[in-house]
C-alpha atoms as a PDB file:
ATOM      1  CA  UNK A   1      15.311-147.095 142.964  1.00  0.00           C
ATOM      2  CA  UNK A   2      14.922-147.974 139.317  1.00  0.00           C
ATOM      3  CA  UNK A   3      15.654-145.879 136.119  1.00  0.00           C
ATOM      4  CA  UNK A   4      12.383-146.169 133.948  1.00  0.00           C
ATOM      5  CA  UNK A   5      13.873-145.747 130.509  1.00  0.00           C
ATOM      6  CA  UNK A   6      11.270-146.396 128.794  1.00  0.00           C
ATOM      7  CA  UNK A   7       9.216-143.946 130.261  1.00  0.00           C
ATOM      8  CA  UNK A   8       9.779-140.769 128.233  1.00  0.00           C
ATOM      9  CA  UNK A   9       8.307-142.966 125.262  1.00  0.00           C
ATOM     10  CA  UNK A  10       5.197-144.072 127.092  1.00  0.00           C
ATOM     11  CA  UNK A  11       4.754-140.669 127.921  1.00  0.00           C
ATOM     12  CA  UNK A  12       4.830-139.940 124.241  1.00  0.00           C
ATOM     13  CA  UNK A  13       2.205-142.874 123.866  1.00  0.00           C
ATOM     14  CA  UNK A  14       0.279-141.625 126.010  1.00  0.00           C
ATOM     15  CA  UNK A  15      -0.133-138.071 124.338  1.00  0.00           C
ATOM     16  CA  UNK A  16      -0.853-139.069 121.623  1.00  0.00           C
ATOM     17  CA  UNK A  17      -3.709-141.166 122.436  1.00  0.00           C
ATOM     18  CA  UNK A  18      -4.595-138.105 124.481  1.00  0.00           C
ATOM     19  CA  UNK A  19      -4.290-135.668 121.046  1.00  0.00           C
ATOM     20  CA  UNK A  20      -6.542-138.107 118.997  1.00  0.00           C
ATOM     21  CA  UNK A  21      -8.892-138.323 121.905  1.00  0.00           C
ATOM     22  CA  UNK A  22      -9.384-134.574 122.189  1.00  0.00           C
ATOM     23  CA  UNK A  23     -10.194-134.396 118.156  1.00  0.00           C
ATOM     24  CA  UNK A  24     -12.633-137.092 119.116  1.00  0.00           C
ATOM     25  CA  UNK A  25     -14.616-135.114 121.810  1.00  0.00           C
ATOM     26  CA  UNK A  26     -14.068-131.991 118.394  1.00  0.00           C
ATOM     27  CA  UNK A  27     -15.218-134.373 115.612  1.00  0.00           C
ATOM     28  CA  UNK A  28     -18.513-135.607 118.185  1.00  0.00           C
ATOM     29  CA  UNK A  29     -18.822-132.071 118.637  1.00  0.00           C
ATOM     30  CA  UNK A  30     -19.106-130.954 115.156  1.00  0.00           C
ATOM     31  CA  UNK A  31     -21.807-134.292 114.281  1.00  0.00           C
ATOM     32  CA  UNK A  32     -19.282-136.456 112.127  1.00  0.00           C
ATOM     33  CA  UNK A  33     -19.553-139.435 110.502  1.00  0.00           C
ATOM     34  CA  UNK A  34     -19.363-142.212 112.433  1.00  0.00           C
ATOM     35  CA  UNK A  35     -16.494-143.343 110.796  1.00  0.00           C
ATOM     36  CA  UNK A  36     -14.622-140.787 111.452  1.00  0.00           C
ATOM     37  CA  UNK A  37     -15.116-140.679 115.228  1.00  0.00           C
ATOM     38  CA  UNK A  38     -14.382-145.097 114.978  1.00  0.00           C
ATOM     39  CA  UNK A  39     -10.858-144.379 112.836  1.00  0.00           C
ATOM     40  CA  UNK A  40     -10.333-142.172 115.956  1.00  0.00           C
ATOM     41  CA  UNK A  41     -11.308-143.948 118.726  1.00  0.00           C
ATOM     42  CA  UNK A  42      -9.593-147.353 117.001  1.00  0.00           C
ATOM     43  CA  UNK A  43      -6.077-144.667 117.495  1.00  0.00           C
ATOM     44  CA  UNK A  44      -6.749-143.646 120.434  1.00  0.00           C
ATOM     45  CA  UNK A  45      -7.384-147.309 122.013  1.00  0.00           C
ATOM     46  CA  UNK A  46      -3.749-148.638 119.786  1.00  0.00           C
ATOM     47  CA  UNK A  47      -1.654-145.344 121.135  1.00  0.00           C
ATOM     48  CA  UNK A  48      -3.179-146.619 124.837  1.00  0.00           C
ATOM     49  CA  UNK A  49      -2.820-149.929 124.047  1.00  0.00           C
ATOM     50  CA  UNK A  50       0.885-149.821 123.164  1.00  0.00           C
ATOM     51  CA  UNK A  51       1.706-147.824 125.945  1.00  0.00           C
ATOM     52  CA  UNK A  52       0.284-150.631 127.823  1.00  0.00           C
ATOM     53  CA  UNK A  53       2.098-153.217 126.970  1.00  0.00           C
ATOM     54  CA  UNK A  54       5.347-151.024 127.030  1.00  0.00           C
ATOM     55  CA  UNK A  55       4.674-150.742 130.534  1.00  0.00           C
ATOM     56  CA  UNK A  56       4.247-154.089 131.375  1.00  0.00           C
ATOM     57  CA  UNK A  57       7.106-155.347 129.697  1.00  0.00           C
ATOM     58  CA  UNK A  58       9.760-153.018 131.265  1.00  0.00           C
ATOM     59  CA  UNK A  59       7.971-153.745 134.032  1.00  0.00           C
ATOM     60  CA  UNK A  60       8.815-157.424 134.017  1.00  0.00           C
ATOM     61  CA  UNK A  61      12.174-157.222 132.593  1.00  0.00           C
ATOM     62  CA  UNK A  62      13.312-154.044 135.225  1.00  0.00           C
ATOM     63  CA  UNK A  63      11.001-154.236 138.257  1.00  0.00           C
ATOM     64  CA  UNK A  64      10.783-157.475 138.532  1.00  0.00           C
ATOM     65  CA  UNK A  65      14.373-158.590 138.052  1.00  0.00           C
ATOM     66  CA  UNK A  66      15.762-156.457 140.477  1.00  0.00           C
ATOM     67  CA  UNK A  67      13.405-157.219 143.304  1.00  0.00           C
ATOM     68  CA  UNK A  68      11.569-153.398 142.912  1.00  0.00           C
ATOM     69  CA  UNK A  69       8.613-155.754 142.498  1.00  0.00           C
END
């Protein structure tokens, strides 16, 4: 079994995205301006994209290199 050293960092990024998404929901309930909502949604998207890139990079460098698929 491959040890995934970057998983804690990926989890941290996804937790950050989770927090941003919770903020978006609160902002919608509070009827905050659309510009503020768009900024928070961008933060969610960026955090998820960053986590996805890190996961794919690790998969390529670790899993495929060791034949774990």
